[in-house]
């Protein structure tokens, strides 16, 4: 079980995490063929944490996310966040992939090992906030 961090988020935490995640995403090779359309959604893992954006390419997942936002509901965002093709919405997940954004940032060097094995992240307290325009 991973300890949850409940301290205020510093101004540099989320930008550093985004830079680290973008760096990882840039190293993922592109597959051949047409790329599916990506929809972007602002999420938050805890009320005191900053929002950040997650991409999704699965049409059913995108439609579900939009419907949840319209109803002011949410589900757990589950996937390899830097790979939008893996992101799905879940009602429940295993504990090993649960962590706040702050905790992930503080333990980024451990991601993929015993912490967030397979780079899969599923913050249990995810809130889908809104769709973010892609242009």
Protein backbone atom coordinates (compact mmCIF):
# COMPACT_ATOMS: atom_id res chain seq x y z
CA UNK A 1 0.00 0.00 0.00
CA UNK A 2 1.32 3.42 -0.92
CA UNK A 3 1.20 6.31 1.50
CA UNK A 4 -0.97 9.19 0.37
CA UNK A 5 0.57 12.64 0.56
CA UNK A 6 -1.82 15.28 1.88
CA UNK A 7 0.38 18.39 1.81
CA UNK A 8 -0.27 21.42 -0.42
CA UNK A 9 0.92 21.18 -3.99
CA UNK A 10 3.82 23.48 -4.85
CA UNK A 11 3.68 25.55 -7.99
CA UNK A 12 6.40 23.49 -9.70
CA UNK A 13 5.06 20.00 -9.01
CA UNK A 14 2.55 19.61 -11.82
CA UNK A 15 4.67 21.35 -14.49
CA UNK A 16 7.56 19.02 -13.63
CA UNK A 17 5.28 16.00 -13.84
CA UNK A 18 3.90 17.14 -17.19
CA UNK A 19 7.42 17.67 -18.54
CA UNK A 20 8.45 14.22 -17.33
CA UNK A 21 5.37 12.58 -18.84
CA UNK A 22 5.79 14.43 -22.14
CA UNK A 23 9.39 13.26 -22.25
CA UNK A 24 8.25 9.67 -21.81
CA UNK A 25 5.51 10.11 -24.42
CA UNK A 26 8.00 11.46 -26.94
CA UNK A 27 10.05 8.28 -26.58
CA UNK A 28 7.09 6.00 -27.42
CA UNK A 29 7.39 4.93 -31.07
CA UNK A 30 4.48 5.84 -33.32
CA UNK A 31 2.58 2.91 -34.80
CA UNK A 32 2.04 2.60 -38.51
CA UNK A 33 -1.30 3.63 -39.97
CA UNK A 34 -3.69 6.42 -39.20
CA UNK A 35 -3.72 7.78 -35.68
CA UNK A 36 -7.14 7.86 -34.01
CA UNK A 37 -8.52 11.25 -32.99
CA UNK A 38 -7.49 12.20 -29.46
CA UNK A 39 -9.86 13.93 -27.06
CA UNK A 40 -8.37 15.66 -24.03
CA UNK A 41 -9.91 15.91 -20.58
CA UNK A 42 -8.91 17.88 -17.49
CA UNK A 43 -8.81 15.65 -14.42
CA UNK A 44 -7.91 16.06 -10.77
CA UNK A 45 -6.79 13.31 -8.37
CA UNK A 46 -7.46 15.19 -5.13
CA UNK A 47 -9.39 18.40 -4.42
CA UNK A 48 -6.23 20.26 -3.32
CA UNK A 49 -4.17 19.23 -6.36
CA UNK A 50 -3.87 21.03 -9.64
CA UNK A 51 -5.68 19.81 -12.70
CA UNK A 52 -3.88 18.14 -15.54
CA UNK A 53 -4.85 16.86 -18.96
CA UNK A 54 -5.22 13.26 -20.10
CA UNK A 55 -5.71 12.19 -23.71
CA UNK A 56 -8.08 9.42 -24.82
CA UNK A 57 -8.42 7.85 -28.27
CA UNK A 58 -10.95 5.04 -27.74
CA UNK A 59 -14.28 6.33 -29.15
CA UNK A 60 -16.39 4.50 -26.53
CA UNK A 61 -14.22 5.86 -23.68
CA UNK A 62 -14.43 9.39 -25.09
CA UNK A 63 -18.22 9.17 -25.37
CA UNK A 64 -18.46 7.82 -21.82
CA UNK A 65 -16.22 10.60 -20.46
CA UNK A 66 -18.36 13.24 -22.17
CA UNK A 67 -21.56 11.71 -20.78
CA UNK A 68 -20.09 11.52 -17.26
CA UNK A 69 -19.08 15.19 -17.40
CA UNK A 70 -22.57 16.21 -18.55
CA UNK A 71 -24.06 14.30 -15.57
CA UNK A 72 -21.41 15.68 -13.14
CA UNK A 73 -20.22 12.13 -12.45
CA UNK A 74 -16.82 10.51 -12.70
CA UNK A 75 -15.00 7.21 -12.91
CA UNK A 76 -11.41 6.17 -12.35
CA UNK A 77 -9.09 7.10 -15.21
CA UNK A 78 -7.04 3.96 -15.81
CA UNK A 79 -4.14 3.50 -18.19
CA UNK A 80 -0.66 4.45 -19.18
CA UNK A 81 -1.40 8.16 -19.05
CA UNK A 82 1.28 9.11 -21.61
CA UNK A 83 -0.32 6.69 -24.10
CA UNK A 84 -3.89 7.88 -24.83
CA UNK A 85 -4.73 4.58 -26.60
CA UNK A 86 -4.50 2.75 -23.24
CA UNK A 87 -6.69 5.11 -21.22
CA UNK A 88 -10.08 3.74 -20.15
CA UNK A 89 -12.61 4.54 -17.43
CA UNK A 90 -13.27 2.07 -14.63
CA UNK A 91 -15.64 1.70 -11.69
CA UNK A 92 -12.92 0.04 -9.61
CA UNK A 93 -9.29 -1.03 -10.01
CA UNK A 94 -6.57 -2.78 -8.03
CA UNK A 95 -4.75 -0.80 -5.38
CA UNK A 96 -1.27 -1.16 -6.88
CA UNK A 97 -2.00 1.49 -9.53
CA UNK A 98 -3.61 4.06 -7.19
CA UNK A 99 -1.64 7.19 -6.27
CA UNK A 100 -2.19 10.93 -6.20
CA UNK A 101 -0.46 13.16 -8.76
CA UNK A 102 1.75 14.56 -6.00
CA UNK A 103 2.86 11.09 -4.92
CA UNK A 104 3.62 10.10 -8.51
CA UNK A 105 5.74 13.25 -8.97
CA UNK A 106 7.66 12.58 -5.75
CA UNK A 107 8.38 8.96 -6.78
CA UNK A 108 8.71 9.35 -10.56
CA UNK A 109 11.98 7.39 -10.63
CA UNK A 110 10.17 4.34 -9.16
CA UNK A 111 7.34 4.25 -11.73
CA UNK A 112 7.28 1.01 -13.69
CA UNK A 113 8.88 -1.09 -10.95
CA UNK A 114 7.11 -1.98 -7.72
CA UNK A 115 5.39 1.41 -7.90
CA UNK A 116 2.84 1.62 -10.73
CA UNK A 117 3.96 -1.64 -12.38
CA UNK A 118 3.74 -1.54 -16.16
CA UNK A 119 3.46 2.26 -15.89
CA UNK A 120 -0.29 1.86 -15.31
CA UNK A 121 -1.85 4.60 -13.19
CA UNK A 122 -5.41 4.58 -11.83
CA UNK A 123 -5.94 7.30 -9.24
CA UNK A 124 -9.04 6.18 -7.33
CA UNK A 125 -10.23 9.69 -6.54
CA UNK A 126 -10.12 10.93 -10.13
CA UNK A 127 -12.55 13.66 -11.03
CA UNK A 128 -13.27 14.27 -14.70
CA UNK A 129 -13.65 18.05 -14.86
CA UNK A 130 -14.16 19.06 -18.47
CA UNK A 131 -13.13 18.39 -22.05
CA UNK A 132 -10.21 20.51 -23.22
CA UNK A 133 -10.16 21.77 -26.83
CA UNK A 134 -7.37 20.15 -28.84
CA UNK A 135 -6.55 23.22 -30.93
